[in-house]
Amino acid sequence: MTDRYAVIGNPVAHSKSPGIHAHFAHATGEDIEYGRLLAPLDGFRETVQRFHAEGGRGLNVTLPFKEEAYRLATAHSARARAAEAVNTLRFDADAIFGDNTDGAGLVRDIRINLGIAVAGRRVLLLGAGGAARGVIVPLLAEQPRDLTIANRTLERARILEQQFGPGVRASSYEALSGSRFDIVINATSASLTGALPPLPERVYAEGSLAYDMLYGSAITPFLQRARVEGAAHIADGLGMLVEQAAESFFIWRGVRPETGAVLAALRTA
């Protein structure tokens, strides 16, 4: 029988995941069906349980349910525990396994698709919410020179500094003045509203990368500003989306799909 998977969220109609996983399934010969599940804001658990009872094998979880998915899972990967959020659920015989593939997707996009090493670089992560928390462990695993987390509310950044220990430094935006970074990652939601994180001028080092974890049909305000400020490379989060999906596919099927073709097709579209 064809194995069933889906992406669950609210809203979810915009999700590109069904097309991505259909491409992966065709390329790898895996017999899967992948759809969308719109869960009521107060009905995530019930929607997941119904999908599982009807034979579902796994789910991708998008906003606003990643923290609730973490609580629903009965077993967790180390990176899910660090993030305290889950974007991938796998239904095993005796457990609901929860993982977080966002950070792995981000790192693979930067290192493989963009060809930019994280090792030894000065990395600035903007934001201290769930999106930022989900990528810290994979970023640290790449052994950057240092990782600075800047947030409007400094105390939230300090909580992450204390949690993740050596190599992580909390900062206000104002305190970044005079510092230069090789990789600047926007993990805030500012681009959703056309706003900008309050970065001081001249934070981009020579040859630097500006990366927005969000993506859309046009260049985001953050990336527009980064280009003006001297970032040598800019990238949105579409590659991260594809790479985290490939990581989820591997968790479910034990097969890692090639991502170049589907990423190129999405860029063209």
Protein backbone atom coordinates (compact mmCIF):
# COMPACT_ATOMS: atom_id res chain seq x y z
CA MET A 1 0.00 0.00 0.00
CA THR A 2 1.07 3.57 -0.66
CA ASP A 3 2.36 5.22 2.51
CA ARG A 4 0.65 8.48 3.46
CA TYR A 5 2.38 11.65 4.65
CA ALA A 6 1.28 15.28 4.86
CA VAL A 7 2.12 18.76 6.02
CA ILE A 8 -0.04 20.07 8.84
CA GLY A 9 -0.53 23.71 9.72
CA ASN A 10 -2.89 26.67 9.81
CA PRO A 11 -2.81 28.08 7.18
CA VAL A 12 -1.41 25.34 4.96
CA ALA A 13 -2.84 25.85 1.45
CA HIS A 14 0.26 27.84 0.42
CA SER A 15 2.70 25.06 1.35
CA LYS A 16 5.15 23.93 -1.33
CA SER A 17 5.86 20.70 0.55
CA PRO A 18 3.50 18.41 -1.45
CA GLY A 19 5.25 19.30 -4.70
CA ILE A 20 8.69 18.92 -3.16
CA HIS A 21 7.95 15.48 -1.71
CA ALA A 22 6.24 14.33 -4.89
CA HIS A 23 9.47 15.13 -6.72
CA PHE A 24 11.53 13.30 -4.09
CA ALA A 25 9.27 10.23 -4.29
CA HIS A 26 9.49 10.09 -8.09
CA ALA A 27 13.26 10.54 -8.07
CA THR A 28 13.87 7.86 -5.43
CA GLY A 29 11.16 5.37 -6.43
CA GLU A 30 9.50 5.57 -3.00
CA ASP A 31 5.77 4.79 -3.02
CA ILE A 32 4.28 7.64 -1.00
CA GLU A 33 1.32 9.99 -1.11
CA TYR A 34 1.78 13.47 0.39
CA GLY A 35 -0.98 15.97 1.09
CA ARG A 36 -1.99 18.96 3.19
CA LEU A 37 -3.82 18.93 6.53
CA LEU A 38 -5.49 22.09 7.79
CA ALA A 39 -5.79 21.74 11.56
CA PRO A 40 -8.05 23.96 13.66
CA LEU A 41 -6.01 26.18 15.96
CA ASP A 42 -7.47 24.29 18.92
CA GLY A 43 -7.48 20.88 17.22
CA PHE A 44 -3.90 19.97 16.35
CA ARG A 45 -3.66 16.87 18.55
CA GLU A 46 -7.00 15.50 17.36
CA THR A 47 -6.11 16.06 13.69
CA VAL A 48 -2.77 14.28 14.11
CA GLN A 49 -4.34 11.36 15.94
CA ARG A 50 -7.01 10.96 13.27
CA PHE A 51 -4.40 11.00 10.48
CA HIS A 52 -2.36 8.38 12.34
CA ALA A 53 -5.41 6.19 12.99
CA GLU A 54 -6.23 6.29 9.28
CA GLY A 55 -2.81 4.89 8.42
CA GLY A 56 -0.67 8.02 8.15
CA ARG A 57 3.06 7.38 8.52
CA GLY A 58 4.43 10.85 9.18
CA LEU A 59 3.87 14.59 9.14
CA ASN A 60 5.71 17.79 8.50
CA VAL A 61 4.58 20.43 10.97
CA THR A 62 4.44 24.12 10.14
CA LEU A 63 3.21 27.20 11.96
CA PRO A 64 1.74 27.55 14.48
CA PHE A 65 2.05 23.98 15.76
CA LYS A 66 5.77 23.20 16.12
CA GLU A 67 5.85 23.59 19.90
CA GLU A 68 2.62 21.61 20.28
CA ALA A 69 4.13 18.89 18.10
CA TYR A 70 7.09 18.76 20.49
CA ARG A 71 4.72 18.10 23.38
CA LEU A 72 2.81 15.49 21.40
CA ALA A 73 5.89 13.45 20.46
CA THR A 74 6.82 10.66 22.84
CA ALA A 75 10.46 10.42 21.67
CA HIS A 76 12.70 13.24 20.45
CA SER A 77 15.96 13.76 18.60
CA ALA A 78 18.67 15.79 20.35
CA ARG A 79 18.12 18.72 18.00
CA ALA A 80 14.38 18.67 18.69
CA ARG A 81 15.06 18.77 22.43
CA ALA A 82 17.41 21.71 21.95
CA ALA A 83 14.87 23.58 19.83
CA GLU A 84 11.92 22.59 22.01
CA ALA A 85 10.02 22.42 18.73
CA VAL A 86 9.27 19.71 16.17
CA ASN A 87 8.70 20.05 12.43
CA THR A 88 8.82 16.33 11.59
CA LEU A 89 6.73 13.55 13.15
CA ARG A 90 7.25 9.86 12.39
CA PHE A 91 4.77 7.29 13.63
CA ASP A 92 6.66 4.23 14.85
CA ALA A 93 5.15 1.05 16.25
CA ASP A 94 5.62 2.13 19.86
CA ALA A 95 6.30 5.86 19.71
CA ILE A 96 5.71 9.16 17.97
CA PHE A 97 9.19 10.34 17.06
CA GLY A 98 9.73 14.08 16.80
CA ASP A 99 12.63 15.79 15.06
CA ASN A 100 13.55 19.29 13.95
CA THR A 101 15.15 19.48 10.51
CA ASP A 102 15.17 23.27 10.12
CA GLY A 103 18.74 23.78 11.27
CA ALA A 104 20.06 20.92 9.17
CA GLY A 105 18.27 22.39 6.16
CA LEU A 106 19.75 25.83 6.81
CA VAL A 107 23.30 24.53 7.18
CA ARG A 108 23.10 22.31 4.09
CA ASP A 109 21.76 25.19 2.01
CA ILE A 110 24.56 27.51 3.10
CA ARG A 111 27.37 24.97 2.93
CA ILE A 112 26.37 22.88 -0.10
CA ASN A 113 24.02 24.93 -2.29
CA LEU A 114 25.67 28.29 -1.69
CA GLY A 115 29.18 26.87 -1.25
CA ILE A 116 29.92 29.00 1.83
CA ALA A 117 31.64 27.46 4.84
CA VAL A 118 30.33 28.20 8.33
CA ALA A 119 33.46 26.85 10.03
CA GLY A 120 35.67 29.60 11.39
CA ARG A 121 33.22 32.35 10.44
CA ARG A 122 31.67 35.08 12.56
CA VAL A 123 27.94 34.34 12.53
CA LEU A 124 25.17 36.73 13.58
CA LEU A 125 21.70 35.27 14.20
CA LEU A 126 18.86 37.79 14.39
CA GLY A 127 15.98 36.88 16.67
CA ALA A 128 15.57 34.69 19.74
CA GLY A 129 12.27 32.95 19.03
CA GLY A 130 11.50 29.44 17.87
CA ALA A 131 13.01 29.90 14.41
CA ALA A 132 16.33 30.96 15.89
CA ARG A 133 16.31 28.29 18.60
CA GLY A 134 15.77 25.59 15.99
CA VAL A 135 19.00 26.32 14.09
CA ILE A 136 21.52 26.99 16.89
CA VAL A 137 22.72 23.42 17.46
CA PRO A 138 23.36 22.65 13.75
CA LEU A 139 25.14 26.01 13.36
CA LEU A 140 27.38 25.30 16.35
CA ALA A 141 28.13 21.83 14.97
CA GLU A 142 29.77 23.58 11.99
CA GLN A 143 32.27 25.16 14.43
CA PRO A 144 31.92 28.85 13.61
CA ARG A 145 34.44 31.25 15.11
CA ASP A 146 31.58 32.60 17.23
CA LEU A 147 27.79 32.85 17.15
CA THR A 148 26.15 36.09 18.26
CA ILE A 149 22.39 36.17 18.88
CA ALA A 150 20.83 39.65 18.68
CA ASN A 151 17.29 40.38 19.78
CA ARG A 152 15.14 43.42 20.56
CA THR A 153 14.59 41.98 24.04
CA LEU A 154 18.10 41.23 25.25
CA GLU A 155 16.94 38.93 28.03
CA ARG A 156 15.51 36.44 25.52
CA ALA A 157 18.87 36.28 23.76
CA ARG A 158 20.61 35.79 27.10
CA ILE A 159 18.40 32.79 27.83
CA LEU A 160 19.72 31.15 24.65
CA GLU A 161 23.28 32.15 25.55
CA GLN A 162 22.91 30.39 28.89
CA GLN A 163 21.23 27.34 27.36
CA PHE A 164 23.69 26.72 24.55
CA GLY A 165 26.85 27.71 26.40
CA PRO A 166 30.34 28.45 25.06
CA GLY A 167 30.52 29.91 21.59
CA VAL A 168 27.20 31.74 21.90
CA ARG A 169 27.01 35.43 22.82
CA ALA A 170 23.84 37.46 23.41
CA SER A 171 23.64 41.04 22.22
CA SER A 172 21.24 43.91 21.79
CA TYR A 173 21.04 45.37 18.31
CA GLU A 174 22.63 48.60 19.50
CA ALA A 175 25.65 46.76 20.90
CA LEU A 176 26.45 45.36 17.44
CA SER A 177 27.70 48.74 16.29
CA GLY A 178 31.33 48.48 15.24
CA SER A 179 31.23 44.68 14.82
CA ARG A 180 31.55 42.86 11.50
CA PHE A 181 30.12 39.46 10.61
CA ASP A 182 30.74 36.96 7.82
CA ILE A 183 27.25 35.41 7.91
CA VAL A 184 24.11 37.28 9.03
CA ILE A 185 20.96 35.16 9.34
CA ASN A 186 17.54 36.74 9.77
CA ALA A 187 15.42 34.42 11.92
CA THR A 188 12.89 37.13 12.81
CA SER A 189 9.44 37.46 11.25
CA ALA A 190 10.12 41.05 10.15
CA SER A 191 10.05 40.23 6.44
CA LEU A 192 6.45 39.00 6.74
CA THR A 193 5.32 42.58 7.35
CA GLY A 194 7.90 44.35 5.22
CA ALA A 195 9.80 45.52 8.31
CA LEU A 196 13.52 45.48 9.00
CA PRO A 197 15.46 44.24 12.04
CA PRO A 198 17.09 47.34 13.62
CA LEU A 199 20.64 46.48 12.58
CA PRO A 200 23.27 49.21 12.85
CA GLU A 201 25.12 50.11 9.68
CA ARG A 202 28.22 48.32 8.39
CA VAL A 203 27.84 44.95 10.11
CA TYR A 204 28.69 43.05 6.91
CA ALA A 205 32.31 41.97 6.56
CA GLU A 206 34.03 41.68 3.20
CA GLY A 207 32.66 38.69 1.26
CA SER A 208 29.78 38.24 3.71
CA LEU A 209 26.49 36.39 3.30
CA ALA A 210 23.07 37.77 4.27
CA TYR A 211 20.51 34.98 4.66
CA ASP A 212 16.78 35.45 5.26
CA MET A 213 15.07 32.31 6.54
CA LEU A 214 11.82 33.55 4.97
CA TYR A 215 11.18 33.52 1.23
CA GLY A 216 8.67 34.94 -1.20
CA SER A 217 8.10 35.88 -4.81
CA ALA A 218 10.27 39.00 -4.42
CA ILE A 219 13.48 39.84 -2.59
CA THR A 220 12.78 40.54 1.08
CA PRO A 221 13.40 43.98 2.65
CA PHE A 222 16.15 42.46 4.80
CA LEU A 223 18.02 41.23 1.74
CA GLN A 224 17.46 44.48 -0.14
CA ARG A 225 19.02 46.37 2.75
CA ALA A 226 21.87 43.87 3.08
CA ARG A 227 22.79 44.37 -0.56
CA VAL A 228 22.93 48.16 -0.04
CA GLU A 229 24.98 47.65 3.13
CA GLY A 230 27.63 45.66 1.31
CA ALA A 231 26.76 41.97 1.69
CA ALA A 232 28.57 40.11 -1.08
CA HIS A 233 26.00 37.27 -1.20
CA ILE A 234 22.28 37.21 -0.42
CA ALA A 235 19.93 34.23 -0.15
CA ASP A 236 16.37 33.60 0.95
CA GLY A 237 15.02 30.53 2.74
CA LEU A 238 13.77 28.57 -0.27
CA GLY A 239 16.87 26.39 -0.28
CA MET A 240 16.44 25.80 3.44
CA LEU A 241 12.85 24.69 2.79
CA VAL A 242 13.97 22.12 0.24
CA GLU A 243 16.88 20.85 2.33
CA GLN A 244 14.85 20.47 5.52
CA ALA A 245 12.25 18.56 3.46
CA ALA A 246 14.97 16.23 2.21
CA GLU A 247 16.06 15.63 5.79
CA SER A 248 12.47 14.77 6.74
CA PHE A 249 12.23 12.41 3.77
CA PHE A 250 15.38 10.67 4.98
CA ILE A 251 13.94 10.32 8.51
CA TRP A 252 10.79 8.70 7.12
CA ARG A 253 12.20 6.57 4.31
CA GLY A 254 15.90 6.07 5.04
CA VAL A 255 16.73 7.52 1.61
CA ARG A 256 18.26 10.97 1.09
CA PRO A 257 16.92 12.56 -2.11
CA GLU A 258 18.97 14.81 -4.37
CA THR A 259 17.74 18.39 -4.02
CA GLY A 260 19.26 20.35 -6.89
CA ALA A 261 16.59 19.65 -9.49
CA VAL A 262 13.61 20.52 -7.28
CA LEU A 263 15.30 23.69 -5.98
CA ALA A 264 16.07 24.78 -9.54
CA ALA A 265 12.45 24.13 -10.56
CA LEU A 266 11.13 26.18 -7.63
CA ARG A 267 13.48 29.04 -8.45
CA THR A 268 12.29 29.03 -12.05
CA ALA A 269 8.64 28.97 -10.99
